[in-house]
Amino acid sequence: MKKGLWSSYQRIFPFISLILLIIIFSIIVGPKFWSVDNLVNIINQVVPLILGGAGMIFVVTQGGCDLSQGSALALVGTIAAMASNSLGFIAYFPVAIFLGALIGAFNGVIVSKFKVQSLMVTLAMMITLRAIVVYITGGQVIYVSSSVLLLDNFAIKISIFVTTMAVMYYLFEYTKIGFYSKVIGENEMVGIYTGISVDKYKILAFMISGIMAGIVGALTVGRIGGVDPAMGNFFELQVLMSLFVGGVPVTGGAGSKIYKLFIGALILSVLQNGLILSRVSAEVSELVEGIILIGVVFFTLYIRSKFIQVQSAGEN
């Protein structure tokens, strides 16, 4: 089978999956699925996943992962909320972005300079940051000022989303950090031999992931009206699912594209929303999501192996 056909499978499969899900839930749920309120709910689910994924995609493209995003989201949201209550709203986003970048930089330095697997580093960071959040909040909700609540305004939220994603799209598709991340993901040694500062771009990738976690944390606090110690639990897994379901290769590399993140986030949000409207229990919903993720990972690795086989056969 030709190389181009395998590549087409990778691109088309997520689109077909999304269309099928929409058709299935349109039939099962009926007109309620297309109601304005439900579409707004889907958008509210999609926005944080895409924002978080826009940061995570740099790390995943390099062949790593950032399991600390959810806990970073919670800690950044907590500190930013406290800063806003003390110093005013003007401190809110600067604190969120700075602290997110700091957490990401720490992850990146440990991964790049000490050659520790990103899975282990960010898992440890996830546990540590969550413990700090619980300690700071005392397990209680911290409420925020009315100015922060304005972030839940739909127009403001969408404006922030569009502006941020325009910047992230440009960074990933048209700058060195995006291009070099793909090179590192394809073959790190090739990157080193061609003069790429691999350590530098790994640190930058984790910093971007941390910054986006900070922005999502700031928006989440505005949406729920305060800081919940459990905020962001399993967020990083939802983001990873969005990336992989959308067709971003599990192994990273040149196949990573921002549009795949959009498709994956829509698939996941439509699936979760449709299952809720269909009155499926939370346990069954989680089981379905787990099965889908396993299937996507298997499909991605299978297609990649076939792609490599066809490529090798062509060279011979």
Protein backbone atom coordinates (compact mmCIF):
# COMPACT_ATOMS: atom_id res chain seq x y z
CA MET A 1 0.00 0.00 0.00
CA LYS A 2 1.30 3.43 -0.89
CA LYS A 3 2.84 5.71 1.71
CA GLY A 4 0.38 8.49 0.88
CA LEU A 5 -2.60 6.26 1.70
CA TRP A 6 -1.36 5.51 5.21
CA SER A 7 -0.75 9.21 5.73
CA SER A 8 -4.30 9.95 4.54
CA TYR A 9 -5.71 7.48 7.08
CA GLN A 10 -4.02 9.41 9.87
CA ARG A 11 -5.48 12.72 8.70
CA ILE A 12 -9.02 11.57 7.87
CA PHE A 13 -9.75 9.17 10.75
CA PRO A 14 -10.28 11.88 13.45
CA PHE A 15 -12.59 13.89 11.15
CA ILE A 16 -14.71 10.82 10.43
CA SER A 17 -14.84 9.99 14.16
CA LEU A 18 -16.08 13.49 15.01
CA ILE A 19 -18.78 13.43 12.33
CA LEU A 20 -19.97 9.98 13.43
CA LEU A 21 -20.19 11.08 17.07
CA ILE A 22 -22.22 14.15 16.13
CA ILE A 23 -24.61 12.04 14.03
CA ILE A 24 -24.99 9.37 16.74
CA PHE A 25 -25.73 11.82 19.55
CA SER A 26 -28.00 13.91 17.33
CA ILE A 27 -30.12 10.78 16.87
CA ILE A 28 -29.96 9.58 20.49
CA VAL A 29 -30.37 12.94 22.25
CA GLY A 30 -32.48 14.72 19.65
CA PRO A 31 -32.93 18.51 19.35
CA LYS A 32 -31.54 19.08 22.84
CA PHE A 33 -28.07 18.27 21.52
CA TRP A 34 -28.24 21.29 19.20
CA SER A 35 -29.77 23.69 21.72
CA VAL A 36 -27.92 26.96 22.34
CA ASP A 37 -27.31 26.08 25.99
CA ASN A 38 -25.77 22.74 25.08
CA LEU A 39 -23.56 24.21 22.36
CA VAL A 40 -22.30 26.77 24.90
CA ASN A 41 -21.59 23.89 27.30
CA ILE A 42 -19.54 22.14 24.62
CA ILE A 43 -17.60 25.34 23.91
CA ASN A 44 -16.90 25.77 27.64
CA GLN A 45 -15.51 22.22 27.67
CA VAL A 46 -13.47 22.68 24.50
CA VAL A 47 -11.78 26.01 25.33
CA PRO A 48 -9.63 24.86 28.30
CA LEU A 49 -8.70 21.62 26.54
CA ILE A 50 -7.45 23.46 23.46
CA LEU A 51 -5.59 26.07 25.50
CA GLY A 52 -3.93 23.41 27.64
CA GLY A 53 -3.21 21.29 24.58
CA ALA A 54 -1.65 24.25 22.76
CA GLY A 55 1.00 24.27 25.48
CA MET A 56 1.27 20.51 25.86
CA ILE A 57 1.71 19.93 22.12
CA PHE A 58 5.25 21.34 22.20
CA VAL A 59 6.26 18.79 24.85
CA VAL A 60 4.41 15.89 23.22
CA THR A 61 5.88 16.74 19.80
CA GLN A 62 9.35 16.36 21.33
CA GLY A 63 8.36 12.90 22.54
CA GLY A 64 7.62 13.86 26.16
CA CYS A 65 4.58 14.58 28.30
CA ASP A 66 3.61 17.01 31.06
CA LEU A 67 1.54 15.31 33.75
CA SER A 68 1.81 18.33 36.04
CA GLN A 69 -0.50 20.59 34.00
CA GLY A 70 -3.60 19.97 36.12
CA SER A 71 -1.83 20.56 39.42
CA ALA A 72 0.00 23.57 37.97
CA LEU A 73 -3.38 24.93 36.88
CA ALA A 74 -4.65 24.62 40.46
CA LEU A 75 -1.60 26.15 42.13
CA VAL A 76 -1.35 29.02 39.65
CA GLY A 77 -5.06 29.71 40.02
CA THR A 78 -4.71 29.73 43.80
CA ILE A 79 -1.73 32.11 43.91
CA ALA A 80 -3.17 34.38 41.20
CA ALA A 81 -6.48 34.59 43.06
CA MET A 82 -4.71 35.50 46.30
CA ALA A 83 -2.62 38.12 44.46
CA SER A 84 -5.74 39.57 42.88
CA ASN A 85 -7.49 39.79 46.25
CA SER A 86 -4.47 41.60 47.74
CA LEU A 87 -3.11 43.69 44.86
CA GLY A 88 -6.07 44.01 42.52
CA PHE A 89 -6.99 42.46 39.18
CA ILE A 90 -3.95 44.04 37.49
CA ALA A 91 -1.76 41.40 39.17
CA TYR A 92 -3.95 38.46 38.15
CA PHE A 93 -2.68 37.42 34.73
CA PRO A 94 0.97 38.50 35.20
CA VAL A 95 1.20 36.32 38.32
CA ALA A 96 -0.51 33.41 36.54
CA ILE A 97 1.77 33.58 33.51
CA PHE A 98 4.97 34.07 35.52
CA LEU A 99 4.25 31.24 37.95
CA GLY A 100 3.21 28.91 35.12
CA ALA A 101 6.45 29.66 33.27
CA LEU A 102 8.45 29.07 36.45
CA ILE A 103 6.88 25.65 37.04
CA GLY A 104 7.46 24.72 33.40
CA ALA A 105 11.06 25.90 33.50
CA PHE A 106 11.74 23.73 36.56
CA ASN A 107 10.30 20.68 34.77
CA GLY A 108 12.31 21.47 31.66
CA VAL A 109 15.61 21.90 33.48
CA ILE A 110 15.25 18.59 35.33
CA VAL A 111 14.29 16.76 32.12
CA SER A 112 16.97 18.31 29.90
CA LYS A 113 19.93 18.86 32.20
CA PHE A 114 19.59 15.79 34.43
CA LYS A 115 18.28 13.48 31.67
CA VAL A 116 15.30 12.27 33.69
CA GLN A 117 12.24 11.00 31.82
CA SER A 118 9.52 13.65 31.55
CA LEU A 119 6.94 11.13 32.77
CA MET A 120 8.74 10.72 36.11
CA VAL A 121 9.58 14.40 36.56
CA THR A 122 6.11 15.71 35.85
CA LEU A 123 4.43 12.93 37.84
CA ALA A 124 6.46 13.96 40.89
CA MET A 125 5.67 17.61 40.18
CA MET A 126 1.97 16.81 39.86
CA ILE A 127 1.89 15.25 43.34
CA THR A 128 4.01 18.02 44.89
CA LEU A 129 2.00 20.91 43.44
CA ARG A 130 -1.31 19.33 44.46
CA ALA A 131 -0.04 18.95 48.02
CA ILE A 132 0.98 22.62 48.05
CA VAL A 133 -2.49 23.65 46.85
CA VAL A 134 -4.18 21.67 49.61
CA TYR A 135 -1.80 23.15 52.19
CA ILE A 136 -2.33 26.75 51.04
CA THR A 137 -6.11 26.48 50.82
CA GLY A 138 -6.51 24.32 53.90
CA GLY A 139 -8.82 22.18 51.80
CA GLN A 140 -11.30 25.07 51.59
CA VAL A 141 -12.59 27.15 48.68
CA ILE A 142 -10.97 30.59 48.29
CA TYR A 143 -13.34 33.12 46.76
CA VAL A 144 -12.20 35.87 44.39
CA SER A 145 -13.11 39.48 43.71
CA SER A 146 -15.90 40.46 41.32
CA SER A 147 -13.36 41.68 38.73
CA VAL A 148 -12.06 38.13 38.27
CA LEU A 149 -15.62 36.88 37.76
CA LEU A 150 -15.81 39.02 34.61
CA LEU A 151 -13.60 36.41 32.93
CA ASP A 152 -16.65 34.13 32.79
CA ASN A 153 -18.23 36.52 30.31
CA PHE A 154 -18.55 34.57 27.06
CA ALA A 155 -17.28 37.37 24.81
CA ILE A 156 -14.26 38.06 27.03
CA LYS A 157 -13.44 34.36 27.27
CA ILE A 158 -13.64 33.85 23.51
CA SER A 159 -11.54 36.98 22.88
CA ILE A 160 -8.80 35.66 25.18
CA PHE A 161 -9.06 32.24 23.53
CA VAL A 162 -8.80 33.53 19.95
CA THR A 163 -5.91 35.88 20.74
CA THR A 164 -3.97 33.24 22.66
CA MET A 165 -4.49 30.55 20.04
CA ALA A 166 -3.39 32.88 17.24
CA VAL A 167 -0.11 33.38 19.09
CA MET A 168 0.28 29.66 19.81
CA TYR A 169 -0.48 28.69 16.22
CA TYR A 170 2.17 31.09 14.96
CA LEU A 171 4.73 29.82 17.47
CA PHE A 172 4.13 26.18 16.63
CA GLU A 173 3.83 26.41 12.87
CA TYR A 174 6.12 29.30 11.92
CA THR A 175 8.93 29.67 14.47
CA LYS A 176 12.04 27.75 15.49
CA ILE A 177 10.51 26.38 18.69
CA GLY A 178 7.80 24.60 16.69
CA PHE A 179 10.09 23.36 13.93
CA TYR A 180 12.85 22.23 16.27
CA SER A 181 10.33 20.46 18.51
CA LYS A 182 9.32 18.35 15.51
CA VAL A 183 12.95 17.61 14.67
CA ILE A 184 13.67 16.57 18.27
CA GLY A 185 10.58 14.35 18.27
CA GLU A 186 11.58 12.63 15.04
CA ASN A 187 15.17 11.99 16.11
CA GLU A 188 16.83 13.81 19.00
CA MET A 189 20.33 12.76 17.95
CA VAL A 190 19.83 14.27 14.49
CA GLY A 191 18.84 17.50 16.21
CA ILE A 192 22.02 17.47 18.28
CA TYR A 193 24.24 16.70 15.27
CA THR A 194 22.67 19.53 13.25
CA GLY A 195 23.48 22.07 15.96
CA ILE A 196 20.07 22.44 17.62
CA SER A 197 20.29 23.36 21.31
CA VAL A 198 18.05 20.48 22.36
CA ASP A 199 18.18 21.31 26.08
CA LYS A 200 17.16 24.92 25.44
CA TYR A 201 14.13 23.96 23.35
CA LYS A 202 13.04 21.29 25.82
CA ILE A 203 13.03 23.90 28.58
CA LEU A 204 11.11 26.33 26.36
CA ALA A 205 8.55 23.63 25.53
CA PHE A 206 7.85 22.96 29.21
CA MET A 207 7.70 26.69 29.92
CA ILE A 208 5.04 27.13 27.24
CA SER A 209 3.11 24.19 28.69
CA GLY A 210 3.31 25.81 32.14
CA ILE A 211 2.23 29.22 30.83
CA MET A 212 -0.82 27.73 29.15
CA ALA A 213 -1.67 25.85 32.33
CA GLY A 214 -1.49 29.20 34.11
CA ILE A 215 -3.85 30.85 31.63
CA VAL A 216 -6.33 27.97 31.92
CA GLY A 217 -6.06 28.20 35.71
CA ALA A 218 -6.84 31.92 35.62
CA LEU A 219 -9.87 31.36 33.38
CA THR A 220 -11.08 28.41 35.46
CA VAL A 221 -11.02 30.44 38.68
CA GLY A 222 -13.04 33.13 36.91
CA ARG A 223 -15.58 30.54 35.76
CA ILE A 224 -16.17 28.80 39.09
CA GLY A 225 -15.84 31.98 41.18
CA GLY A 226 -13.09 30.74 43.45
CA VAL A 227 -10.27 28.27 44.02
CA ASP A 228 -11.27 24.67 44.63
CA PRO A 229 -8.40 22.46 45.91
CA ALA A 230 -9.58 19.72 43.53
CA MET A 231 -9.55 22.08 40.55
CA GLY A 232 -7.74 20.64 37.54
CA ASN A 233 -7.80 17.02 38.69
CA PHE A 234 -7.09 14.77 35.67
CA PHE A 235 -6.94 17.84 33.40
CA GLU A 236 -3.61 16.74 31.93
CA LEU A 237 -5.09 13.37 30.98
CA GLN A 238 -7.99 15.07 29.21
CA VAL A 239 -5.50 17.23 27.31
CA LEU A 240 -3.39 14.24 26.32
CA MET A 241 -6.51 12.42 25.14
CA SER A 242 -7.47 15.45 23.04
CA LEU A 243 -4.05 15.45 21.38
CA PHE A 244 -3.89 11.72 20.70
CA VAL A 245 -7.53 11.31 19.66
CA GLY A 246 -7.06 14.20 17.23
CA GLY A 247 -4.19 12.40 15.52
CA VAL A 248 -1.10 13.89 17.15
CA PRO A 249 1.38 10.97 17.19
CA VAL A 250 1.92 9.39 20.60
CA THR A 251 5.61 9.25 19.74
CA GLY A 252 5.80 12.91 18.70
CA GLY A 253 7.48 14.23 15.58
CA ALA A 254 6.46 16.00 12.38
CA GLY A 255 2.89 14.63 12.42
CA SER A 256 1.93 17.05 15.19
CA LYS A 257 -0.42 19.82 14.02
CA ILE A 258 -2.50 22.40 15.89
CA TYR A 259 -5.64 21.58 13.89
CA LYS A 260 -5.45 18.00 15.20
CA LEU A 261 -5.72 19.37 18.73
CA PHE A 262 -8.94 21.19 17.78
CA ILE A 263 -10.45 18.02 16.31
CA GLY A 264 -9.40 15.92 19.30
CA ALA A 265 -10.79 18.39 21.84
CA LEU A 266 -14.08 18.51 19.93
CA ILE A 267 -14.27 14.70 19.80
CA LEU A 268 -13.65 14.39 23.53
CA SER A 269 -16.07 17.19 24.46
CA VAL A 270 -18.85 15.94 22.18
CA LEU A 271 -18.36 12.42 23.53
CA GLN A 272 -18.51 13.50 27.18
CA ASN A 273 -21.42 15.86 26.57
CA GLY A 274 -23.36 13.28 24.58
CA LEU A 275 -22.88 10.57 27.20
CA ILE A 276 -24.15 12.92 29.93
CA LEU A 277 -27.23 13.88 27.90
CA SER A 278 -27.80 10.18 27.18
CA ARG A 279 -27.88 9.61 30.97
CA VAL A 280 -24.92 7.26 30.91
CA SER A 281 -23.33 6.81 34.35
CA ALA A 282 -19.97 8.42 35.15
CA GLU A 283 -18.35 5.00 35.54
CA VAL A 284 -19.44 3.85 32.09
CA SER A 285 -18.37 7.20 30.58
CA GLU A 286 -14.87 6.80 32.00
CA LEU A 287 -14.74 3.23 30.70
CA VAL A 288 -15.71 4.39 27.21
CA GLU A 289 -13.06 7.15 27.27
CA GLY A 290 -10.42 4.67 28.42
CA ILE A 291 -11.27 2.19 25.67
CA ILE A 292 -11.16 4.95 23.07
CA LEU A 293 -7.74 6.14 24.27
CA ILE A 294 -6.33 2.61 24.15
CA GLY A 295 -7.75 2.22 20.65
CA VAL A 296 -6.24 5.51 19.50
CA VAL A 297 -2.80 4.64 20.89
CA PHE A 298 -2.91 1.24 19.19
CA PHE A 299 -4.13 2.76 15.91
CA THR A 300 -1.44 5.46 15.96
CA LEU A 301 1.39 3.00 16.60
CA TYR A 302 0.01 0.58 14.01
CA ILE A 303 -0.25 3.25 11.32
CA ARG A 304 3.23 4.53 12.20
CA SER A 305 4.73 1.04 11.88
CA LYS A 306 3.01 0.55 8.50
CA PHE A 307 4.20 3.97 7.37
CA ILE A 308 7.80 3.05 8.26
CA GLN A 309 7.49 -0.33 6.51
CA VAL A 310 6.19 1.27 3.32
CA GLN A 311 8.88 3.95 3.48
CA SER A 312 11.60 1.32 3.91
CA ALA A 313 10.20 -0.74 1.04
CA GLY A 314 10.22 2.35 -1.18
CA GLU A 315 13.85 3.05 -0.38
CA ASN A 316 14.81 -0.53 -1.19
